Amino acid sequence: MLNNVIDFFKYLFTPDGFMPRWICGRWSEGHGWLYIVANISIFIAYFTIPLLLLSFLKRRKNTSFRGIFIWFSLFIVFCGLTHLVDAIMFWYPVYRLNAILLSTTALVSLITVFKLYKLIPKALQLKSLSELENELQRRTVELEETNILLHKRELGFKTLVNSNPDMIAEFDAKLTYKFVNKAILNAVGSGRKSEDFIGKTPVEVLPTHPHTTAFVKNLQHVKTHLEPVAYEVNTEITPGSNFYFFVEMIPLFDENNRFDGVLAITKNVTNDRLREIELNANISDLNKLSKRLDYKIHTLQEFAYIVSHNLRSPVGNLVSLQKLFDTAETQAEKLFFATKTFEVIDGLNNTVKDLSDVVSIDQNTHIERQLLSFEEVLQSQITTISQQIQQAGATITTNFSGCASICYPKIYLDSILLNLLTNAVKYASPHRPPTIHFTTYVTQKGIIVLECTDNGLGIDLEKYGHKIFSLHKTFHNNADARGVGLFITKNQIQSLGGRISVKSTPNVGSTFIIHFNEMDVL
């Protein structure tokens, strides 16, 4: 048995043991060639069919049931080969090879039958040509209705977007304009049309617009980082007219979640910002007014205390002197009490005059202001008390480079500088010639500051600091000291929203620091 198998494959391609078909049987010339031509024709047809099927599959890669096409192609190829070998055996009888070929053909045929059997239920589910035509027609109608609906919605959306006062633009992935609404065209003006924007970049369309650079920078940020951007810009579109815009940029993505462009919405918030600025200004004015009212209340309370304190004693003295005068027994005693009464009345008159000056200051907070030179006003006051300065041998220096002038009531600035000068000369140290230095500067917050520094007697601030600017408070034994000058100066400065303070060391000197417009700035 094994030998037969070995011999079979050994002589697979040889005709050993077999006769050509022309010899076997009674073949006529016509009968034989008819058989041969028919088999070759069948072979050619069988080989052509698979080639056409494969060409079809190559062109229609999405064809259903590709597997069955391949198996049918193999089945037809093997069938064709059996017909070719059948024709060849008229001259070269390779029956062994033909047996192998027929066996392979049978195997391929059975597999094809099995594949086809499994495929038939699925194929039966496929719709017929008429059903497909009906389905196509139905889908076409639905698509047309959907397109009409989409067109209506698109028109509605465009109408809504175009009627929106906000400026809306869509950019493609290359950051060129894809859509602009009418608000943008109206804002740009100059008869621009949407065609002037589409397919171009903002730099190409608006190269000189003051907002273009920042706009393009933020577009690039959205494209690079794939995140929304919102910012506000203040643009001077025409000279002297500021406009405020709030810009929001949103990245857009396609169905594959890839970057597909940017939607930019620009809202004119000028009115909101101007109202906000006006509101903040009003709040600031109210805060300043509140501070001034607080100052007024404090001043009134202080004034009431001063009036009560400074008038109670002399009035009490007058009452006592009157009683003593009434009970006096001699003319000399009456004269003595009368003299004392006149002295008390004199002091009371001075006190009332000082208080009147303070009231006058508080009532004149709206006194006219003018632009004044610190140097000119100071030189004027130096001339006024030049005799005292010369007698004291005082040296006066200035540095007004930090702030040369101020808008202030002249009568007040005259009084302030005169009081500072007079005090510096009056309370000079007996051990050294007085030196007085005036300097000005402006703080980072815009507050104008004047400093007056001397090398005089100084003041013990730990002991007298809380009284230094009070009425009728003196800290040295000068005969002409009344304790009014600094009190008047403080009230003048504070009535116009300023503040005065002092740094001092006994027997070293003092520095008076005036913040002129502190309440207006803070």
Protein backbone atom coordinates (compact mmCIF):
# COMPACT_ATOMS: atom_id res chain seq x y z
CA MET A 1 0.00 0.00 0.00
CA LEU A 2 2.80 2.40 0.96
CA ASN A 3 4.63 1.54 -2.22
CA ASN A 4 1.56 2.44 -4.24
CA VAL A 5 1.36 5.85 -2.57
CA ILE A 6 5.07 6.45 -3.14
CA ASP A 7 4.76 5.45 -6.80
CA PHE A 8 1.68 7.66 -7.18
CA PHE A 9 3.50 10.83 -6.09
CA LYS A 10 6.73 9.72 -7.82
CA TYR A 11 5.00 9.62 -11.21
CA LEU A 12 2.57 12.46 -10.44
CA PHE A 13 3.61 14.56 -13.42
CA THR A 14 4.39 11.68 -15.83
CA PRO A 15 2.00 9.64 -18.09
CA ASP A 16 3.62 6.31 -17.18
CA GLY A 17 1.05 3.51 -17.37
CA PHE A 18 -1.53 5.49 -19.34
CA MET A 19 -2.28 6.03 -23.01
CA PRO A 20 -3.12 9.41 -24.64
CA ARG A 21 -6.79 9.87 -25.21
CA TRP A 22 -6.39 10.04 -28.95
CA ILE A 23 -5.36 6.42 -28.83
CA CYS A 24 -7.90 5.30 -26.21
CA GLY A 25 -11.28 4.83 -27.75
CA ARG A 26 -12.61 5.59 -31.21
CA TRP A 27 -12.06 9.39 -31.39
CA SER A 28 -12.76 10.99 -34.69
CA GLU A 29 -10.87 14.13 -35.60
CA GLY A 30 -13.94 16.34 -35.20
CA HIS A 31 -15.13 14.68 -32.01
CA GLY A 32 -11.70 14.97 -30.33
CA TRP A 33 -11.08 18.59 -31.23
CA LEU A 34 -14.61 19.52 -30.22
CA TYR A 35 -13.88 18.02 -26.77
CA ILE A 36 -10.49 19.74 -26.55
CA VAL A 37 -11.71 23.22 -27.65
CA ALA A 38 -14.71 23.04 -25.32
CA ASN A 39 -12.48 22.22 -22.30
CA ILE A 40 -10.00 24.98 -23.14
CA SER A 41 -12.83 27.49 -23.63
CA ILE A 42 -14.30 26.49 -20.28
CA PHE A 43 -10.81 26.92 -18.68
CA ILE A 44 -10.44 30.41 -20.19
CA ALA A 45 -13.91 31.43 -19.01
CA TYR A 46 -13.31 29.96 -15.55
CA PHE A 47 -10.04 31.87 -15.20
CA THR A 48 -11.54 35.14 -16.46
CA ILE A 49 -14.45 35.09 -13.96
CA PRO A 50 -12.19 35.13 -10.82
CA LEU A 51 -10.08 37.91 -12.33
CA LEU A 52 -13.19 40.02 -12.83
CA LEU A 53 -14.41 39.21 -9.32
CA LEU A 54 -11.05 40.15 -7.78
CA SER A 55 -10.96 43.36 -9.82
CA PHE A 56 -14.45 44.17 -8.51
CA LEU A 57 -13.38 43.52 -4.91
CA LYS A 58 -10.32 45.67 -5.33
CA ARG A 59 -12.42 48.60 -6.52
CA ARG A 60 -15.24 48.07 -4.02
CA LYS A 61 -13.39 47.50 -0.79
CA ASN A 62 -16.52 48.02 1.29
CA THR A 63 -18.43 45.21 -0.50
CA SER A 64 -20.38 42.91 1.79
CA PHE A 65 -19.57 39.15 1.91
CA ARG A 66 -16.01 39.52 0.57
CA GLY A 67 -15.15 36.04 1.91
CA ILE A 68 -17.70 34.21 -0.26
CA PHE A 69 -16.41 36.03 -3.34
CA ILE A 70 -12.90 34.70 -2.65
CA TRP A 71 -14.12 31.13 -2.10
CA PHE A 72 -16.18 31.23 -5.30
CA SER A 73 -13.10 32.52 -7.13
CA LEU A 74 -11.00 29.60 -5.83
CA PHE A 75 -13.75 27.13 -6.70
CA ILE A 76 -13.98 28.44 -10.29
CA VAL A 77 -10.19 28.50 -10.71
CA PHE A 78 -9.84 24.86 -9.69
CA CYS A 79 -12.77 23.85 -11.92
CA GLY A 80 -11.09 25.57 -14.84
CA LEU A 81 -7.81 23.79 -14.15
CA THR A 82 -9.55 20.39 -14.30
CA HIS A 83 -10.90 21.27 -17.76
CA LEU A 84 -7.44 22.39 -18.91
CA VAL A 85 -5.83 19.15 -17.70
CA ASP A 86 -8.67 17.16 -19.33
CA ALA A 87 -7.76 18.73 -22.71
CA ILE A 88 -4.01 18.18 -22.19
CA MET A 89 -4.52 14.44 -21.60
CA PHE A 90 -5.36 13.92 -25.30
CA TRP A 91 -1.57 14.11 -25.80
CA TYR A 92 -0.09 13.86 -22.26
CA PRO A 93 -2.19 11.65 -19.96
CA VAL A 94 -1.32 12.89 -16.41
CA TYR A 95 -4.20 11.08 -14.71
CA ARG A 96 -2.46 11.10 -11.34
CA LEU A 97 -2.17 14.94 -11.37
CA ASN A 98 -5.75 15.18 -12.56
CA ALA A 99 -6.86 13.07 -9.59
CA ILE A 100 -5.11 15.42 -7.14
CA LEU A 101 -6.60 18.45 -8.92
CA LEU A 102 -10.11 16.93 -8.83
CA SER A 103 -9.72 16.13 -5.12
CA THR A 104 -8.64 19.71 -4.34
CA THR A 105 -11.51 21.02 -6.43
CA ALA A 106 -13.91 18.83 -4.47
CA LEU A 107 -12.54 20.11 -1.15
CA VAL A 108 -12.78 23.75 -2.24
CA SER A 109 -16.30 23.09 -3.55
CA LEU A 110 -17.44 21.61 -0.24
CA ILE A 111 -15.98 24.55 1.72
CA THR A 112 -17.67 26.98 -0.66
CA VAL A 113 -20.98 25.15 -0.21
CA PHE A 114 -20.56 25.34 3.59
CA LYS A 115 -19.73 29.06 3.46
CA LEU A 116 -22.67 29.71 1.18
CA TYR A 117 -25.00 27.75 3.45
CA LYS A 118 -24.02 29.89 6.42
CA LEU A 119 -24.31 33.06 4.37
CA ILE A 120 -27.80 32.47 2.96
CA PRO A 121 -29.71 33.58 6.14
CA LYS A 122 -27.75 36.83 6.20
CA ALA A 123 -28.21 37.30 2.46
CA LEU A 124 -31.95 36.77 2.83
CA GLN A 125 -32.02 39.72 5.23
CA LEU A 126 -30.69 41.99 2.50
CA LYS A 127 -33.31 44.16 0.88
CA SER A 128 -34.28 43.67 -2.74
CA LEU A 129 -33.49 46.25 -5.39
CA SER A 130 -37.06 47.58 -5.31
CA GLU A 131 -36.96 47.75 -1.52
CA LEU A 132 -33.64 49.58 -1.69
CA GLU A 133 -35.07 52.00 -4.24
CA ASN A 134 -38.06 52.64 -2.00
CA GLU A 135 -35.78 53.09 1.02
CA LEU A 136 -33.54 55.42 -0.99
CA GLN A 137 -36.54 57.43 -2.10
CA ARG A 138 -37.84 57.66 1.48
CA ARG A 139 -34.42 58.67 2.78
CA THR A 140 -34.12 61.24 -0.02
CA VAL A 141 -37.43 62.81 0.98
CA GLU A 142 -36.39 62.85 4.64
CA LEU A 143 -33.02 64.35 3.71
CA GLU A 144 -34.69 67.06 1.66
CA GLU A 145 -37.05 67.86 4.55
CA THR A 146 -34.10 67.88 6.94
CA ASN A 147 -32.11 70.16 4.63
CA ILE A 148 -35.07 72.53 4.40
CA LEU A 149 -35.37 72.52 8.21
CA LEU A 150 -31.62 73.03 8.61
CA HIS A 151 -31.70 75.84 6.09
CA LYS A 152 -34.52 77.53 8.00
CA ARG A 153 -32.64 77.08 11.27
CA GLU A 154 -29.44 78.37 9.69
CA LEU A 155 -31.28 81.44 8.43
CA GLY A 156 -32.82 81.90 11.88
CA PHE A 157 -29.42 81.47 13.54
CA LYS A 158 -27.77 83.94 11.15
CA THR A 159 -30.60 86.41 11.71
CA LEU A 160 -30.18 86.03 15.48
CA VAL A 161 -26.39 86.38 15.26
CA ASN A 162 -26.57 89.33 12.87
CA SER A 163 -29.12 91.13 15.04
CA ASN A 164 -26.96 90.56 18.12
CA PRO A 165 -25.21 93.80 19.20
CA ASP A 166 -22.15 91.77 20.23
CA MET A 167 -19.42 91.32 17.61
CA ILE A 168 -19.26 87.60 16.74
CA ALA A 169 -16.63 86.00 14.50
CA GLU A 170 -15.69 82.42 13.73
CA PHE A 171 -12.13 81.47 12.73
CA ASP A 172 -10.98 78.26 11.04
CA ALA A 173 -8.05 76.09 12.14
CA LYS A 174 -5.65 78.46 10.34
CA LEU A 175 -7.09 81.41 12.32
CA THR A 176 -8.56 83.07 9.24
CA TYR A 177 -12.07 84.51 9.28
CA LYS A 178 -14.81 81.98 8.53
CA PHE A 179 -17.81 84.11 9.54
CA VAL A 180 -18.46 87.65 10.80
CA ASN A 181 -21.79 89.14 11.88
CA LYS A 182 -23.16 92.56 10.97
CA ALA A 183 -22.07 94.08 14.29
CA ILE A 184 -18.43 93.68 13.20
CA LEU A 185 -19.12 95.22 9.79
CA ASN A 186 -20.91 98.17 11.44
CA ALA A 187 -18.08 98.66 13.92
CA VAL A 188 -15.39 98.61 11.21
CA GLY A 189 -17.40 100.80 8.85
CA SER A 190 -15.93 102.09 5.55
CA GLY A 191 -18.45 100.01 3.58
CA ARG A 192 -16.78 96.72 4.48
CA LYS A 193 -18.53 93.49 3.47
CA SER A 194 -18.24 89.99 4.93
CA GLU A 195 -16.34 88.96 1.76
CA ASP A 196 -13.56 91.35 2.82
CA PHE A 197 -13.02 89.21 5.94
CA ILE A 198 -13.56 85.58 4.88
CA GLY A 199 -10.31 83.65 4.39
CA LYS A 200 -8.14 86.46 5.79
CA THR A 201 -6.40 86.99 9.12
CA PRO A 202 -7.20 89.91 11.49
CA VAL A 203 -3.82 91.47 10.60
CA GLU A 204 -4.72 91.41 6.89
CA VAL A 205 -8.16 92.93 7.47
CA LEU A 206 -7.39 95.43 10.28
CA PRO A 207 -3.61 96.01 10.26
CA THR A 208 -3.72 99.39 12.05
CA HIS A 209 -6.48 98.72 14.58
CA PRO A 210 -5.15 99.28 18.14
CA HIS A 211 -6.65 95.99 19.37
CA THR A 212 -5.40 93.73 16.52
CA THR A 213 -2.08 92.73 18.13
CA ALA A 214 -3.66 91.64 21.44
CA PHE A 215 -6.53 89.94 19.57
CA VAL A 216 -4.17 87.81 17.43
CA LYS A 217 -2.01 86.96 20.45
CA ASN A 218 -5.04 85.58 22.32
CA LEU A 219 -6.22 83.65 19.23
CA GLN A 220 -2.83 81.93 19.13
CA HIS A 221 -3.12 81.16 22.85
CA VAL A 222 -6.50 79.45 22.34
CA LYS A 223 -5.10 77.41 19.42
CA THR A 224 -1.93 76.41 21.31
CA HIS A 225 -3.45 75.61 24.71
CA LEU A 226 -6.96 74.57 23.53
CA GLU A 227 -8.58 76.53 26.35
CA PRO A 228 -10.99 79.49 26.47
CA VAL A 229 -9.66 83.02 26.94
CA ALA A 230 -11.51 86.03 28.35
CA TYR A 231 -10.07 89.51 28.76
CA GLU A 232 -10.99 93.18 28.72
CA VAL A 233 -9.37 95.84 26.59
CA ASN A 234 -9.48 99.64 26.70
CA THR A 235 -9.14 101.02 23.17
CA GLU A 236 -8.96 104.60 21.95
CA ILE A 237 -10.76 104.21 18.61
CA THR A 238 -10.98 107.95 17.97
CA PRO A 239 -8.83 110.65 19.63
CA GLY A 240 -10.13 111.38 23.11
CA SER A 241 -12.75 108.62 23.10
CA ASN A 242 -12.04 105.47 25.10
CA PHE A 243 -14.05 102.32 24.53
CA TYR A 244 -14.07 99.25 26.75
CA PHE A 245 -14.56 95.77 25.25
CA PHE A 246 -14.91 92.36 26.89
CA VAL A 247 -13.58 89.62 24.59
CA GLU A 248 -14.26 85.89 25.00
CA MET A 249 -12.62 83.26 22.79
CA ILE A 250 -13.73 79.60 22.73
CA PRO A 251 -11.90 76.73 20.95
CA LEU A 252 -13.97 74.65 18.48
CA PHE A 253 -13.45 70.93 17.75
CA ASP A 254 -14.55 68.58 14.95
CA GLU A 255 -16.22 65.17 15.33
CA ASN A 256 -12.79 63.60 15.98
CA ASN A 257 -12.13 66.08 18.81
CA ARG A 258 -9.44 67.85 16.80
CA PHE A 259 -8.99 71.62 16.87
CA ASP A 260 -11.23 73.13 14.21
CA GLY A 261 -11.22 76.86 14.92
CA VAL A 262 -12.13 79.61 17.39
CA LEU A 263 -15.38 81.42 18.18
CA ALA A 264 -14.71 85.01 19.28
CA ILE A 265 -17.39 87.19 20.93
CA THR A 266 -16.59 90.86 21.60
CA LYS A 267 -19.00 92.82 23.80
CA ASN A 268 -18.98 96.59 24.08
CA VAL A 269 -19.03 97.27 27.84
CA THR A 270 -18.18 100.96 27.60
CA ASN A 271 -21.40 102.13 29.26
CA ASP A 272 -21.01 99.61 32.08
CA ARG A 273 -17.40 100.63 32.68
CA LEU A 274 -18.16 104.35 32.54
CA ARG A 275 -20.98 103.85 35.04
CA GLU A 276 -18.60 101.81 37.18
CA ILE A 277 -15.95 104.54 36.97
CA GLU A 278 -18.56 107.17 37.82
CA LEU A 279 -19.83 105.05 40.69
CA ASN A 280 -16.29 104.57 42.04
CA ALA A 281 -15.72 108.32 41.72
CA ASN A 282 -18.94 108.99 43.63
CA ILE A 283 -17.94 106.46 46.27
CA SER A 284 -14.55 108.15 46.52
CA ASP A 285 -16.22 111.55 46.85
CA LEU A 286 -18.55 110.15 49.51
CA ASN A 287 -15.58 108.69 51.38
CA LYS A 288 -13.84 112.06 51.23
CA LEU A 289 -17.04 113.77 52.36
CA SER A 290 -17.36 111.24 55.19
CA LYS A 291 -13.79 111.95 56.26
CA ARG A 292 -14.48 115.66 56.16
CA LEU A 293 -17.66 115.19 58.20
CA ASP A 294 -15.71 113.10 60.70
CA TYR A 295 -13.17 115.89 60.86
CA LYS A 296 -15.93 118.46 61.31
CA ILE A 297 -17.52 116.45 64.11
CA HIS A 298 -14.14 115.99 65.76
CA THR A 299 -13.39 119.70 65.35
CA LEU A 300 -16.76 120.70 66.81
CA GLN A 301 -16.26 118.39 69.76
CA GLU A 302 -12.77 119.77 70.27
CA PHE A 303 -14.05 123.31 69.84
CA ALA A 304 -16.85 122.72 72.35
CA TYR A 305 -14.31 121.40 74.82
CA ILE A 306 -12.02 124.37 74.21
CA VAL A 307 -14.87 126.85 74.60
CA SER A 308 -16.01 125.12 77.79
CA HIS A 309 -12.51 124.90 79.18
CA ASN A 310 -11.15 128.28 78.11
CA LEU A 311 -14.23 130.29 78.98
CA ARG A 312 -15.24 128.57 82.22
CA SER A 313 -12.20 129.80 84.19
CA PRO A 314 -12.30 133.51 83.19
CA VAL A 315 -16.10 133.64 83.58
CA GLY A 316 -15.76 132.01 87.01
CA ASN A 317 -13.06 134.57 87.89
CA LEU A 318 -15.32 137.42 86.80
CA VAL A 319 -18.15 136.15 89.02
CA SER A 320 -15.77 135.83 91.97
CA LEU A 321 -14.27 139.28 91.37
CA GLN A 322 -17.74 140.78 91.16
CA LYS A 323 -18.66 139.32 94.54
CA LEU A 324 -15.39 140.55 96.04
CA PHE A 325 -15.93 143.96 94.51
CA ASP A 326 -19.44 144.15 95.98
CA THR A 327 -18.19 143.18 99.43
CA ALA A 328 -15.09 145.43 99.37
CA GLU A 329 -15.06 147.96 102.24
CA THR A 330 -12.50 150.46 101.01
CA GLN A 331 -12.05 152.31 97.77
CA ALA A 332 -8.57 150.84 97.35
CA GLU A 333 -9.99 147.33 97.54
CA LYS A 334 -12.66 148.17 94.97
CA LEU A 335 -9.98 149.63 92.65
CA PHE A 336 -7.85 146.52 93.06
CA PHE A 337 -10.74 144.16 92.21
CA ALA A 338 -11.81 146.38 89.32
CA THR A 339 -8.28 146.26 87.86
CA LYS A 340 -8.22 142.49 88.17
CA THR A 341 -11.64 142.33 86.52
CA PHE A 342 -10.37 144.33 83.52
CA GLU A 343 -7.35 142.01 83.23
CA VAL A 344 -9.64 138.95 83.17
CA ILE A 345 -11.89 140.66 80.60
CA ASP A 346 -8.79 141.40 78.50
CA GLY A 347 -7.79 137.71 78.56
CA LEU A 348 -11.36 136.68 77.85
CA ASN A 349 -11.42 139.02 74.86
CA ASN A 350 -8.21 137.46 73.47
CA THR A 351 -9.67 133.99 73.96
CA VAL A 352 -12.88 134.92 72.14
CA LYS A 353 -10.80 136.48 69.33
CA ASP A 354 -8.73 133.27 68.99
CA LEU A 355 -11.85 131.13 68.94
CA SER A 356 -13.36 133.47 66.36
CA ASP A 357 -10.30 132.95 64.16
CA VAL A 358 -10.76 129.16 64.39
CA VAL A 359 -14.45 129.42 63.50
CA SER A 360 -13.50 131.63 60.57
CA ILE A 361 -11.14 128.92 59.29
CA ASP A 362 -13.78 126.17 59.51
CA GLN A 363 -16.31 128.38 57.70
CA ASN A 364 -13.92 129.10 54.81
CA THR A 365 -13.14 125.59 53.52
CA HIS A 366 -14.20 126.69 50.00
CA ILE A 367 -11.85 129.64 49.90
CA GLU A 368 -10.44 130.25 46.42
CA ARG A 369 -7.28 128.35 45.54
CA GLN A 370 -4.52 129.41 43.17
CA LEU A 371 -1.24 128.03 41.90
CA LEU A 372 1.46 129.18 44.31
CA SER A 373 5.25 128.89 44.28
CA PHE A 374 6.62 127.64 47.61
CA GLU A 375 9.78 129.67 47.05
CA GLU A 376 7.96 132.93 46.34
CA VAL A 377 5.54 132.60 49.26
CA LEU A 378 8.35 131.71 51.66
CA GLN A 379 10.54 134.62 50.52
CA SER A 380 7.58 136.93 51.07
CA GLN A 381 7.23 135.73 54.68
CA ILE A 382 10.99 135.94 55.23
CA THR A 383 10.77 139.60 54.20
CA THR A 384 7.87 140.11 56.63
CA ILE A 385 9.94 139.00 59.67
CA SER A 386 13.37 139.86 58.31
CA GLN A 387 14.16 141.94 61.41
CA GLN A 388 13.59 138.99 63.78
CA ILE A 389 15.57 136.66 61.48
CA GLN A 390 18.47 139.10 61.34
CA GLN A 391 18.48 139.61 65.10
CA ALA A 392 18.49 135.85 65.70
CA GLY A 393 21.24 135.31 63.09
CA ALA A 394 19.12 132.57 61.50
CA THR A 395 20.12 130.74 58.33
CA ILE A 396 17.27 129.62 56.07
CA THR A 397 17.76 127.08 53.28
CA THR A 398 15.28 125.49 50.87
CA ASN A 399 14.94 122.55 48.49
CA PHE A 400 11.70 122.76 46.54
CA SER A 401 12.88 120.63 43.61
CA GLY A 402 10.60 117.77 44.74
CA CYS A 403 7.51 119.97 44.30
CA ALA A 404 7.90 123.62 43.32
CA SER A 405 4.26 124.72 43.50
CA ILE A 406 0.84 123.90 44.93
CA CYS A 407 -2.77 124.88 44.24
CA TYR A 408 -3.79 126.32 47.63
CA PRO A 409 -5.40 129.40 49.24
CA LYS A 410 -2.66 132.04 49.40
CA ILE A 411 -3.82 133.43 52.74
CA TYR A 412 -3.51 129.97 54.29
CA LEU A 413 -0.09 129.14 52.82
CA ASP A 414 1.16 132.57 53.93
CA SER A 415 -0.09 131.87 57.46
CA ILE A 416 1.33 128.31 57.60
CA LEU A 417 4.82 129.28 56.40
CA LEU A 418 4.85 132.39 58.62
CA ASN A 419 3.91 130.35 61.71
CA LEU A 420 6.60 127.73 60.96
CA LEU A 421 9.20 130.49 60.43
CA THR A 422 8.16 132.46 63.52
CA ASN A 423 8.20 129.40 65.80
CA ALA A 424 11.62 128.28 64.50
CA VAL A 425 13.08 131.72 65.24
CA LYS A 426 11.17 132.25 68.51
CA TYR A 427 12.19 128.88 70.00
CA ALA A 428 15.79 128.88 68.82
CA SER A 429 18.44 127.37 71.08
CA PRO A 430 20.52 129.92 73.02
CA HIS A 431 23.61 127.78 72.43
CA ARG A 432 23.73 127.92 68.59
CA PRO A 433 22.57 130.06 65.70
CA PRO A 434 19.23 128.85 64.31
CA THR A 435 19.20 126.99 61.01
CA ILE A 436 15.88 126.42 59.27
CA HIS A 437 15.43 124.18 56.22
CA PHE A 438 12.31 123.84 54.06
CA THR A 439 11.89 120.97 51.61
CA THR A 440 9.03 119.55 49.52
CA TYR A 441 8.35 116.25 47.75
CA VAL A 442 5.49 114.16 46.37
CA THR A 443 4.76 110.66 47.69
CA GLN A 444 4.01 107.65 45.46
CA LYS A 445 0.30 108.20 46.17
CA GLY A 446 0.51 111.79 44.92
CA ILE A 447 0.46 113.54 48.32
CA ILE A 448 2.35 116.89 48.43
CA VAL A 449 4.52 117.08 51.54
CA LEU A 450 6.26 120.08 53.10
CA GLU A 451 8.87 119.63 55.85
CA CYS A 452 10.31 122.38 58.04
CA THR A 453 13.35 121.37 60.09
CA ASP A 454 15.11 123.51 62.73
CA ASN A 455 17.84 123.04 65.33
CA GLY A 456 16.00 124.85 68.13
CA LEU A 457 14.91 123.95 71.65
CA GLY A 458 12.79 121.01 70.54
CA ILE A 459 9.80 119.56 72.39
CA ASP A 460 9.48 116.61 74.74
CA LEU A 461 6.90 114.66 72.73
CA GLU A 462 6.49 111.97 75.37
CA LYS A 463 5.36 114.64 77.79
CA TYR A 464 3.64 117.17 75.52
CA GLY A 465 3.00 115.31 72.24
CA HIS A 466 -0.78 115.10 72.74
CA LYS A 467 -1.02 118.83 73.47
CA ILE A 468 1.32 120.32 70.89
CA PHE A 469 -1.40 121.48 68.49
CA SER A 470 -3.92 122.45 71.20
CA LEU A 471 -5.12 125.99 71.83
CA HIS A 472 -3.20 128.07 74.41
CA LYS A 473 -0.69 125.28 75.08
CA THR A 474 2.93 126.47 75.48
CA PHE A 475 5.98 124.38 76.31
CA HIS A 476 8.68 127.03 76.88
CA ASN A 477 8.91 130.11 79.04
CA ASN A 478 8.78 132.71 76.27
CA ALA A 479 6.91 135.77 77.46
CA ASP A 480 5.11 136.30 74.14
CA ALA A 481 4.01 132.65 73.72
CA ARG A 482 0.23 132.32 73.48
CA GLY A 483 -0.18 128.74 72.15
CA VAL A 484 -2.29 129.88 69.19
CA GLY A 485 -0.04 129.65 66.09
CA LEU A 486 0.21 125.86 65.78
CA PHE A 487 -3.46 125.47 66.69
CA ILE A 488 -4.44 127.87 63.88
CA THR A 489 -2.01 126.16 61.46
CA LYS A 490 -3.41 122.72 62.25
CA ASN A 491 -6.98 123.90 61.65
CA GLN A 492 -6.06 125.61 58.39
CA ILE A 493 -4.37 122.46 57.09
CA GLN A 494 -7.07 120.07 58.29
CA SER A 495 -9.91 122.22 56.93
CA LEU A 496 -8.54 121.60 53.42
CA GLY A 497 -8.06 117.84 53.86
CA GLY A 498 -4.46 117.85 55.07
CA ARG A 499 -2.56 116.73 58.13
CA ILE A 500 0.33 118.07 60.22
CA SER A 501 2.66 116.10 62.46
CA VAL A 502 5.93 116.72 64.27
CA LYS A 503 9.16 114.92 65.09
CA SER A 504 11.19 116.51 67.84
CA THR A 505 14.02 115.90 70.27
CA PRO A 506 14.65 118.29 73.21
CA ASN A 507 17.74 120.50 72.68
CA VAL A 508 18.25 119.02 69.19
CA GLY A 509 15.45 120.45 67.09
CA SER A 510 12.07 119.79 65.47
CA THR A 511 10.68 118.78 62.08
CA PHE A 512 7.13 119.75 61.20
CA ILE A 513 5.65 117.59 58.42
CA ILE A 514 2.61 118.77 56.47
CA HIS A 515 0.64 116.47 54.12
CA PHE A 516 -1.40 119.00 52.14
CA ASN A 517 -3.84 116.97 50.00
CA GLU A 518 -3.95 113.69 51.91
CA MET A 519 -7.76 113.46 52.14
CA ASP A 520 -8.17 114.15 48.39
CA VAL A 521 -5.77 111.37 47.42
CA LEU A 522 -6.64 108.60 49.88
